[in-house]
C-alpha atoms as a PDB file:
ATOM      1  CA  GLN A   1    -187.135 -51.862  89.508  1.00  0.00           C
ATOM      2  CA  GLU A   2    -187.789 -49.119  92.039  1.00  0.00           C
ATOM      3  CA  GLN A   3    -189.940 -49.184  95.126  1.00  0.00           C
ATOM      4  CA  LEU A   4    -190.697 -45.783  96.588  1.00  0.00           C
ATOM      5  CA  VAL A   5    -191.513 -45.071 100.215  1.00  0.00           C
ATOM      6  CA  GLU A   6    -192.583 -41.626 101.388  1.00  0.00           C
ATOM      7  CA  SER A   7    -192.184 -40.288 104.908  1.00  0.00           C
ATOM      8  CA  GLY A   8    -192.496 -37.018 106.792  1.00  0.00           C
ATOM      9  CA  GLY A   9    -196.175 -36.246 106.509  1.00  0.00           C
ATOM     10  CA  GLY A  10    -198.207 -35.060 109.449  1.00  0.00           C
ATOM     11  CA  LEU A  11    -200.462 -32.431 110.945  1.00  0.00           C
ATOM     12  CA  VAL A  12    -199.211 -28.850 111.180  1.00  0.00           C
ATOM     13  CA  GLN A  13    -200.690 -25.394 111.559  1.00  0.00           C
ATOM     14  CA  ALA A  14    -200.821 -22.855 108.780  1.00  0.00           C
ATOM     15  CA  GLY A  15    -197.499 -21.102 108.327  1.00  0.00           C
ATOM     16  CA  GLU A  16    -195.441 -24.002 109.590  1.00  0.00           C
ATOM     17  CA  SER A  17    -193.082 -26.258 107.656  1.00  0.00           C
ATOM     18  CA  LEU A  18    -192.762 -29.940 106.826  1.00  0.00           C
ATOM     19  CA  THR A  19    -190.165 -31.973 104.985  1.00  0.00           C
ATOM     20  CA  LEU A  20    -191.218 -34.967 102.940  1.00  0.00           C
ATOM     21  CA  SER A  21    -188.741 -37.632 101.925  1.00  0.00           C
ATOM     22  CA  CYS A  22    -188.933 -40.375  99.340  1.00  0.00           C
ATOM     23  CA  ALA A  23    -186.567 -43.307  99.449  1.00  0.00           C
ATOM     24  CA  ALA A  24    -186.105 -45.435  96.332  1.00  0.00           C
ATOM     25  CA  SER A  25    -185.085 -49.001  97.070  1.00  0.00           C
ATOM     26  CA  GLY A  26    -183.588 -49.804  93.679  1.00  0.00           C
ATOM     27  CA  SER A  27    -180.266 -48.799  92.230  1.00  0.00           C
ATOM     28  CA  GLY A  28    -181.537 -45.474  90.930  1.00  0.00           C
ATOM     29  CA  PHE A  29    -179.889 -46.240  87.601  1.00  0.00           C
ATOM     30  CA  GLY A  30    -181.910 -44.877  84.733  1.00  0.00           C
ATOM     31  CA  ILE A  31    -184.074 -42.495  86.759  1.00  0.00           C
ATOM     32  CA  ILE A  32    -184.597 -39.508  84.483  1.00  0.00           C
ATOM     33  CA  ALA A  33    -186.951 -37.597  86.735  1.00  0.00           C
ATOM     34  CA  MET A  34    -188.504 -37.697  90.177  1.00  0.00           C
ATOM     35  CA  GLY A  35    -191.443 -35.726  91.365  1.00  0.00           C
ATOM     36  CA  TRP A  36    -194.055 -35.058  93.995  1.00  0.00           C
ATOM     37  CA  TYR A  37    -197.767 -35.100  93.329  1.00  0.00           C
ATOM     38  CA  ARG A  38    -200.699 -34.543  95.643  1.00  0.00           C
ATOM     39  CA  GLN A  39    -204.346 -35.414  95.752  1.00  0.00           C
ATOM     40  CA  ALA A  40    -206.839 -33.621  97.934  1.00  0.00           C
ATOM     41  CA  PRO A  41    -210.258 -35.098  98.735  1.00  0.00           C
ATOM     42  CA  ARG A  42    -212.605 -34.981  95.747  1.00  0.00           C
ATOM     43  CA  LYS A  43    -209.881 -33.548  93.522  1.00  0.00           C
ATOM     44  CA  GLN A  44    -207.638 -34.967  90.831  1.00  0.00           C
ATOM     45  CA  ARG A  45    -204.025 -35.774  91.504  1.00  0.00           C
ATOM     46  CA  GLU A  46    -201.824 -32.825  90.545  1.00  0.00           C
ATOM     47  CA  LEU A  47    -198.145 -32.192  90.035  1.00  0.00           C
ATOM     48  CA  VAL A  48    -196.444 -30.315  92.855  1.00  0.00           C
ATOM     49  CA  ALA A  49    -192.818 -30.340  91.715  1.00  0.00           C
ATOM     50  CA  PHE A  50    -190.353 -32.402  89.732  1.00  0.00           C
ATOM     51  CA  ILE A  51    -186.611 -32.600  89.265  1.00  0.00           C
ATOM     52  CA  THR A  52    -184.782 -34.131  86.339  1.00  0.00           C
ATOM     53  CA  ALA A  53    -181.597 -36.157  86.469  1.00  0.00           C
ATOM     54  CA  GLY A  54    -179.819 -33.070  85.213  1.00  0.00           C
ATOM     55  CA  GLY A  55    -181.137 -30.984  88.086  1.00  0.00           C
ATOM     56  CA  ILE A  56    -183.827 -29.033  86.264  1.00  0.00           C
ATOM     57  CA  LYS A  57    -186.674 -28.216  88.623  1.00  0.00           C
ATOM     58  CA  ASN A  58    -190.214 -27.106  88.069  1.00  0.00           C
ATOM     59  CA  TYR A  59    -193.025 -26.241  90.441  1.00  0.00           C
ATOM     60  CA  ALA A  60    -196.752 -25.773  90.366  1.00  0.00           C
ATOM     61  CA  ASP A  61    -197.686 -22.116  90.531  1.00  0.00           C
ATOM     62  CA  THR A  62    -199.487 -22.727  93.809  1.00  0.00           C
ATOM     63  CA  VAL A  63    -196.296 -23.810  95.595  1.00  0.00           C
ATOM     64  CA  ARG A  64    -193.547 -21.928  93.786  1.00  0.00           C
ATOM     65  CA  GLY A  65    -191.532 -19.901  96.258  1.00  0.00           C
ATOM     66  CA  ARG A  66    -192.727 -21.966  99.223  1.00  0.00           C
ATOM     67  CA  PHE A  67    -191.681 -25.524  98.324  1.00  0.00           C
ATOM     68  CA  THR A  68    -188.247 -26.790  97.329  1.00  0.00           C
ATOM     69  CA  ILE A  69    -187.505 -30.138  95.708  1.00  0.00           C
ATOM     70  CA  SER A  70    -184.104 -31.761  95.888  1.00  0.00           C
ATOM     71  CA  ARG A  71    -182.516 -35.096  95.145  1.00  0.00           C
ATOM     72  CA  ASP A  72    -179.615 -36.987  96.667  1.00  0.00           C
ATOM     73  CA  HIS A  73    -178.242 -39.274  93.963  1.00  0.00           C
ATOM     74  CA  ALA A  74    -175.890 -41.083  96.317  1.00  0.00           C
ATOM     75  CA  GLU A  75    -178.672 -41.941  98.758  1.00  0.00           C
ATOM     76  CA  ASN A  76    -181.273 -42.416  96.006  1.00  0.00           C
ATOM     77  CA  THR A  77    -183.725 -40.140  97.779  1.00  0.00           C
ATOM     78  CA  GLU A  78    -185.694 -37.030  97.011  1.00  0.00           C
ATOM     79  CA  THR A  79    -186.966 -34.422  99.405  1.00  0.00           C
ATOM     80  CA  LEU A  80    -189.710 -31.830  99.351  1.00  0.00           C
ATOM     81  CA  GLN A  81    -189.197 -28.958 101.763  1.00  0.00           C
ATOM     82  CA  MET A  82    -192.540 -27.269 102.352  1.00  0.00           C
ATOM     83  CA  ASN A  83    -192.606 -23.856 104.014  1.00  0.00           C
ATOM     84  CA  SER A  84    -195.417 -21.429 104.791  1.00  0.00           C
ATOM     85  CA  LEU A  85    -197.961 -24.195 104.542  1.00  0.00           C
ATOM     86  CA  LYS A  86    -201.581 -23.331 103.876  1.00  0.00           C
ATOM     87  CA  PRO A  87    -204.784 -25.265 104.558  1.00  0.00           C
ATOM     88  CA  GLU A  88    -205.176 -25.740 100.804  1.00  0.00           C
ATOM     89  CA  ASP A  89    -201.929 -27.739 100.812  1.00  0.00           C
ATOM     90  CA  THR A  90    -203.760 -30.488 102.686  1.00  0.00           C
ATOM     91  CA  ALA A  91    -203.575 -33.651 100.597  1.00  0.00           C
ATOM     92  CA  VAL A  92    -201.976 -37.039 100.239  1.00  0.00           C
ATOM     93  CA  TYR A  93    -198.534 -36.509  98.737  1.00  0.00           C
ATOM     94  CA  TYR A  94    -197.085 -39.096  96.367  1.00  0.00           C
ATOM     95  CA  CYS A  95    -193.554 -39.645  95.174  1.00  0.00           C
ATOM     96  CA  ARG A  96    -192.933 -40.641  91.567  1.00  0.00           C
ATOM     97  CA  ALA A  97    -189.879 -41.864  89.684  1.00  0.00           C
ATOM     98  CA  VAL A  98    -189.599 -42.212  85.916  1.00  0.00           C
ATOM     99  CA  VAL A  99    -187.036 -44.668  84.642  1.00  0.00           C
ATOM    100  CA  ALA A 100    -185.745 -44.757  81.073  1.00  0.00           C
ATOM    101  CA  GLY A 101    -184.036 -47.618  79.329  1.00  0.00           C
ATOM    102  CA  ASN A 102    -184.706 -51.311  79.138  1.00  0.00           C
ATOM    103  CA  PRO A 103    -186.726 -51.923  81.121  1.00  0.00           C
ATOM    104  CA  SER A 104    -188.326 -48.536  81.557  1.00  0.00           C
ATOM    105  CA  GLY A 105    -190.800 -47.809  84.315  1.00  0.00           C
ATOM    106  CA  ASP A 106    -193.050 -45.335  86.044  1.00  0.00           C
ATOM    107  CA  TYR A 107    -193.099 -45.894  89.784  1.00  0.00           C
ATOM    108  CA  TRP A 108    -195.248 -44.421  92.537  1.00  0.00           C
ATOM    109  CA  GLY A 109    -195.155 -44.500  96.286  1.00  0.00           C
ATOM    110  CA  LYS A 110    -198.220 -45.185  98.405  1.00  0.00           C
ATOM    111  CA  GLY A 111    -198.438 -41.627  99.665  1.00  0.00           C
ATOM    112  CA  THR A 112    -198.134 -39.712 102.894  1.00  0.00           C
ATOM    113  CA  GLN A 113    -200.832 -37.504 104.413  1.00  0.00           C
ATOM    114  CA  VAL A 114    -200.199 -33.809 104.959  1.00  0.00           C
ATOM    115  CA  THR A 115    -202.820 -31.898 106.907  1.00  0.00           C
ATOM    116  CA  VAL A 116    -202.589 -28.154 107.488  1.00  0.00           C
ATOM    117  CA  SER A 117    -204.975 -26.634 109.993  1.00  0.00           C
ATOM    118  CA  SER A 118    -206.016 -23.003 109.928  1.00  0.00           C
END
């Protein structure tokens, strides 16, 4: 079983950078994908980026070229490097881990707030 804890959120100005980290407390065994999602006020939660166990990455069109997702298997962490931040990136960012096998699982962190001022 995985417990996910996000860190690194905060308040920045437009054009600045932030790095979000997600630490998984379990063994990491069986994680087939990890991702970042975000939810802005009065909007649905949306995918920002994900990375598979094999290293395949995908990004939302709105962040492609500005955000970079990575994963450290040894440390059982994932990171989201966010550059050239925009006010529309303001949201609560959530970490997610999908585990295959027996038992399988879909785990979420509690979120970290990112606020970008103009």
